[in-house]
């Protein structure tokens, strides 16, 4: 019998595999219902009907609508972060501007491909639902931590300017003392070396990136305002890279 790696989990039993497959099917159908009806109208009974079982059978796997929403959140956060990691990983390690552009493009591509799931993550809160932090914080912060790790890597390599790059028009702003404690906590938690001013600027880049994507996904620019949306986004990326000190 071949040796088993101690770090490899044991094979699941047929019952466990069947349960995992059923949960996967419920999440898959949940994604389809989310796209068709929106998060607020999500119904486990409707999912059960499409699964071909009575609703009481589904409740053995997913307790209620809130549990399904949580599974959909974790699923969407994970897929988005996996796409980002793959895109960044295809760019040379020392090409920090290229990695930043890859990150931004990957988020936008996923959001345009999965608008309903993007809305679940970054749109209006679902009435009556509160995401459990102990289950959603880790997957939900993967992309921002990837961005902060990218900026920190650029700082350690001497490739991140202490002043905004030429693409940024505004001069650097002083970091308020009240903010310093928050930035210190983030830096210590993630083992970052990047100083306060650049870390705070990274937060601005993060929110601006997702703000630009949200405007496009949710149609907030207005009909016909921008026909060259790809060019607009690339311009945004260039400006944000400058703000971050990458250009």
Protein backbone atom coordinates (compact mmCIF):
# COMPACT_ATOMS: atom_id res chain seq x y z
CA UNK A 1 0.00 0.00 0.00
CA UNK A 2 1.51 3.44 -0.93
CA UNK A 3 2.53 5.77 1.84
CA UNK A 4 0.11 8.58 2.64
CA UNK A 5 1.32 12.15 3.13
CA UNK A 6 0.48 13.18 6.70
CA UNK A 7 -0.64 16.59 5.40
CA UNK A 8 -3.10 15.03 2.95
CA UNK A 9 -6.63 14.68 4.37
CA UNK A 10 -8.04 11.16 4.31
CA UNK A 11 -10.39 10.20 1.51
CA UNK A 12 -14.00 11.07 2.31
CA UNK A 13 -16.60 8.39 2.71
CA UNK A 14 -19.22 7.89 -0.03
CA UNK A 15 -21.75 9.61 2.23
CA UNK A 16 -19.47 12.62 2.69
CA UNK A 17 -18.78 12.82 -1.03
CA UNK A 18 -22.49 12.65 -1.80
CA UNK A 19 -23.21 15.39 0.72
CA UNK A 20 -20.48 17.62 -0.71
CA UNK A 21 -21.85 17.07 -4.22
CA UNK A 22 -25.36 17.99 -3.11
CA UNK A 23 -24.13 21.19 -1.47
CA UNK A 24 -22.21 22.02 -4.66
CA UNK A 25 -25.40 21.49 -6.67
CA UNK A 26 -27.35 23.74 -4.30
CA UNK A 27 -24.74 26.49 -4.63
CA UNK A 28 -24.72 26.12 -8.43
CA UNK A 29 -28.50 26.46 -8.57
CA UNK A 30 -28.30 29.30 -6.08
CA UNK A 31 -25.98 31.14 -8.47
CA UNK A 32 -28.47 30.65 -11.29
CA UNK A 33 -31.37 31.93 -9.17
CA UNK A 34 -29.26 34.85 -8.01
CA UNK A 35 -28.64 35.86 -11.62
CA UNK A 36 -32.32 35.53 -12.55
CA UNK A 37 -34.08 36.91 -9.49
CA UNK A 38 -31.55 38.78 -7.34
CA UNK A 39 -30.40 38.13 -3.79
CA UNK A 40 -33.50 39.50 -2.06
CA UNK A 41 -35.75 37.00 -3.90
CA UNK A 42 -33.53 33.98 -3.30
CA UNK A 43 -35.60 31.00 -2.20
CA UNK A 44 -34.48 27.61 -0.94
CA UNK A 45 -37.84 26.17 -1.95
CA UNK A 46 -37.22 27.24 -5.55
CA UNK A 47 -33.73 25.76 -5.42
CA UNK A 48 -35.17 22.50 -4.07
CA UNK A 49 -37.69 22.40 -6.90
CA UNK A 50 -34.94 22.76 -9.51
CA UNK A 51 -32.86 20.16 -7.68
CA UNK A 52 -35.80 17.78 -7.94
CA UNK A 53 -36.30 17.22 -4.23
CA UNK A 54 -38.77 18.38 -1.60
CA UNK A 55 -37.77 21.49 0.32
CA UNK A 56 -37.38 19.56 3.58
CA UNK A 57 -34.59 17.52 1.95
CA UNK A 58 -32.61 20.68 1.08
CA UNK A 59 -32.79 21.88 4.68
CA UNK A 60 -30.70 18.87 5.69
CA UNK A 61 -27.81 20.44 3.73
CA UNK A 62 -28.48 24.18 3.93
CA UNK A 63 -30.39 25.41 6.97
CA UNK A 64 -32.09 28.47 5.50
CA UNK A 65 -31.84 31.29 2.98
CA UNK A 66 -29.20 33.08 5.02
CA UNK A 67 -26.98 30.00 4.98
CA UNK A 68 -27.36 29.82 1.19
CA UNK A 69 -26.43 33.49 0.90
CA UNK A 70 -23.34 32.84 3.01
CA UNK A 71 -22.32 29.92 0.80
CA UNK A 72 -22.83 32.08 -2.29
CA UNK A 73 -20.72 34.86 -0.76
CA UNK A 74 -17.86 32.49 0.06
CA UNK A 75 -18.09 30.93 -3.39
CA UNK A 76 -18.04 34.30 -5.18
CA UNK A 77 -15.26 35.79 -3.05
CA UNK A 78 -13.17 32.70 -3.63
CA UNK A 79 -13.66 32.63 -7.40
CA UNK A 80 -12.90 36.35 -7.73
CA UNK A 81 -9.74 36.04 -5.65
CA UNK A 82 -8.63 32.95 -7.57
CA UNK A 83 -9.02 34.86 -10.84
CA UNK A 84 -7.01 37.76 -9.44
CA UNK A 85 -4.24 35.49 -8.12
CA UNK A 86 -4.00 33.70 -11.46
CA UNK A 87 -3.83 36.97 -13.42
CA UNK A 88 -1.21 38.50 -11.14
CA UNK A 89 0.78 35.28 -11.17
CA UNK A 90 1.13 35.44 -14.94
CA UNK A 91 3.11 38.71 -14.67
CA UNK A 92 6.80 38.76 -13.72
CA UNK A 93 7.38 39.19 -9.98
CA UNK A 94 9.34 42.42 -10.36
CA UNK A 95 6.84 44.05 -12.73
CA UNK A 96 4.77 45.75 -10.05
CA UNK A 97 2.89 48.15 -12.38
CA UNK A 98 2.07 45.19 -14.64
CA UNK A 99 0.85 43.15 -11.68
CA UNK A 100 -1.34 46.04 -10.52
CA UNK A 101 -2.91 46.36 -13.97
CA UNK A 102 -3.46 42.58 -14.07
CA UNK A 103 -5.19 42.71 -10.69
CA UNK A 104 -7.50 45.53 -11.74
CA UNK A 105 -8.35 43.96 -15.08
CA UNK A 106 -9.09 40.61 -13.44
CA UNK A 107 -11.53 42.18 -10.97
CA UNK A 108 -13.30 44.07 -13.76
CA UNK A 109 -13.47 41.03 -16.06
CA UNK A 110 -15.00 38.89 -13.30
CA UNK A 111 -17.47 41.63 -12.34
CA UNK A 112 -18.67 42.12 -15.92
CA UNK A 113 -18.96 38.37 -16.38
CA UNK A 114 -20.75 37.85 -13.04
CA UNK A 115 -22.75 41.04 -12.37
CA UNK A 116 -25.26 39.38 -10.02
CA UNK A 117 -22.54 37.81 -7.90
CA UNK A 118 -20.56 41.07 -7.91
CA UNK A 119 -23.72 42.83 -6.71
CA UNK A 120 -24.06 40.30 -3.90
CA UNK A 121 -20.51 41.11 -2.77
CA UNK A 122 -20.36 44.85 -3.35
CA UNK A 123 -23.90 46.07 -3.99
CA UNK A 124 -26.71 46.99 -1.62
CA UNK A 125 -27.02 44.80 1.50
CA UNK A 126 -29.64 42.06 1.33
CA UNK A 127 -32.55 43.04 3.63
CA UNK A 128 -32.54 41.01 6.82
CA UNK A 129 -29.20 39.32 6.15
CA UNK A 130 -25.93 39.85 7.98
CA UNK A 131 -22.89 37.98 6.70
CA UNK A 132 -21.13 36.00 9.46
CA UNK A 133 -17.71 37.62 9.80
CA UNK A 134 -16.06 34.42 11.04
CA UNK A 135 -16.84 32.76 7.69
CA UNK A 136 -16.70 35.60 5.17
CA UNK A 137 -13.89 37.91 6.33
CA UNK A 138 -11.01 35.70 5.18
CA UNK A 139 -12.32 35.05 1.65
CA UNK A 140 -13.68 38.58 1.43
CA UNK A 141 -10.31 40.22 2.10
CA UNK A 142 -8.16 38.15 -0.25
CA UNK A 143 -8.18 40.70 -3.09
CA UNK A 144 -7.40 43.73 -0.93
CA UNK A 145 -4.64 41.81 0.81
CA UNK A 146 -3.26 40.85 -2.60
CA UNK A 147 -3.19 44.52 -3.50
CA UNK A 148 -1.52 45.49 -0.22
CA UNK A 149 1.04 42.70 -0.61
CA UNK A 150 1.78 43.95 -4.12
CA UNK A 151 2.35 47.50 -2.87
CA UNK A 152 4.40 46.24 0.07
CA UNK A 153 6.54 44.15 -2.27
CA UNK A 154 7.13 47.19 -4.46
CA UNK A 155 8.13 49.21 -1.40
CA UNK A 156 10.57 46.57 -0.20
CA UNK A 157 12.08 46.37 -3.69
CA UNK A 158 12.52 50.14 -3.84
CA UNK A 159 10.04 50.34 -6.71
CA UNK A 160 7.33 52.31 -4.91
CA UNK A 161 7.82 56.06 -4.83
CA UNK A 162 7.21 57.97 -1.63
CA UNK A 163 5.52 60.68 -3.71
CA UNK A 164 2.59 60.16 -6.10
CA UNK A 165 3.71 59.32 -9.62
CA UNK A 166 3.25 61.61 -12.62
CA UNK A 167 -0.22 60.16 -13.33
CA UNK A 168 -1.49 61.61 -10.03
CA UNK A 169 -2.28 65.31 -9.96
CA UNK A 170 -2.71 65.79 -6.22
CA UNK A 171 0.24 66.32 -3.84
CA UNK A 172 0.67 63.82 -1.00
CA UNK A 173 -1.55 64.45 2.01
CA UNK A 174 -0.42 64.13 5.60
CA UNK A 175 -1.82 61.11 7.43
CA UNK A 176 -4.04 62.19 10.37
CA UNK A 177 -2.73 61.03 13.72
CA UNK A 178 -6.07 59.37 14.49
CA UNK A 179 -5.58 57.13 11.46
CA UNK A 180 -2.07 56.05 12.39
CA UNK A 181 -3.24 53.47 14.95
CA UNK A 182 -5.45 51.77 12.36
CA UNK A 183 -2.64 51.68 9.82
CA UNK A 184 -0.23 50.31 12.42
CA UNK A 185 -2.67 47.51 13.28
CA UNK A 186 -3.05 46.57 9.61
CA UNK A 187 0.70 46.65 9.07
CA UNK A 188 1.40 44.46 12.10
CA UNK A 189 -1.40 42.00 11.31
CA UNK A 190 -0.18 41.48 7.74
CA UNK A 191 3.56 41.84 8.37
CA UNK A 192 3.87 44.86 6.05
CA UNK A 193 6.77 47.28 5.84
CA UNK A 194 5.02 49.96 3.79
CA UNK A 195 4.80 53.30 5.66
CA UNK A 196 1.60 55.02 6.76
CA UNK A 197 1.26 57.45 3.88
CA UNK A 198 1.60 54.79 1.21
CA UNK A 199 -0.61 52.33 3.06
CA UNK A 200 -3.36 54.95 3.33
CA UNK A 201 -2.90 55.75 -0.34
CA UNK A 202 -3.29 52.04 -1.07
CA UNK A 203 -6.70 52.13 0.64
CA UNK A 204 -7.69 54.98 -1.68
CA UNK A 205 -6.53 52.98 -4.69
CA UNK A 206 -8.54 49.97 -3.47
CA UNK A 207 -11.81 51.88 -3.02
CA UNK A 208 -11.32 53.84 -6.23
CA UNK A 209 -10.71 50.68 -8.24
CA UNK A 210 -13.85 49.01 -6.97
CA UNK A 211 -15.81 52.25 -7.27
CA UNK A 212 -14.94 52.54 -10.96
CA UNK A 213 -15.92 48.91 -11.54
CA UNK A 214 -19.18 49.32 -9.61
CA UNK A 215 -20.14 52.37 -11.67
CA UNK A 216 -19.71 50.30 -14.83
CA UNK A 217 -21.41 47.13 -13.58
CA UNK A 218 -24.40 48.98 -12.13
CA UNK A 219 -24.79 51.37 -15.07
CA UNK A 220 -24.14 54.45 -12.96
CA UNK A 221 -22.31 56.38 -15.66
CA UNK A 222 -25.58 56.79 -17.50
CA UNK A 223 -26.66 55.45 -20.86
CA UNK A 224 -24.28 56.41 -23.65
CA UNK A 225 -21.99 58.60 -21.52
CA UNK A 226 -18.91 56.50 -22.24
CA UNK A 227 -18.80 54.29 -25.31
CA UNK A 228 -15.06 53.55 -24.87
CA UNK A 229 -15.41 51.81 -21.50
CA UNK A 230 -12.23 49.75 -21.94
CA UNK A 231 -10.20 52.89 -22.61
CA UNK A 232 -11.80 54.66 -19.66
CA UNK A 233 -10.90 51.82 -17.31
CA UNK A 234 -7.32 51.65 -18.59
CA UNK A 235 -7.03 55.39 -17.94
CA UNK A 236 -8.34 54.84 -14.42
CA UNK A 237 -5.74 52.12 -13.85
CA UNK A 238 -2.96 54.43 -15.03
CA UNK A 239 -4.08 57.22 -12.71
CA UNK A 240 -4.46 54.83 -9.75
CA UNK A 241 -1.02 53.37 -10.39
CA UNK A 242 0.31 56.91 -10.21
CA UNK A 243 -1.50 57.57 -6.94
CA UNK A 244 -0.02 54.37 -5.53
CA UNK A 245 3.47 55.43 -6.60
CA UNK A 246 3.82 52.63 -9.13
CA UNK A 247 4.19 54.91 -12.17
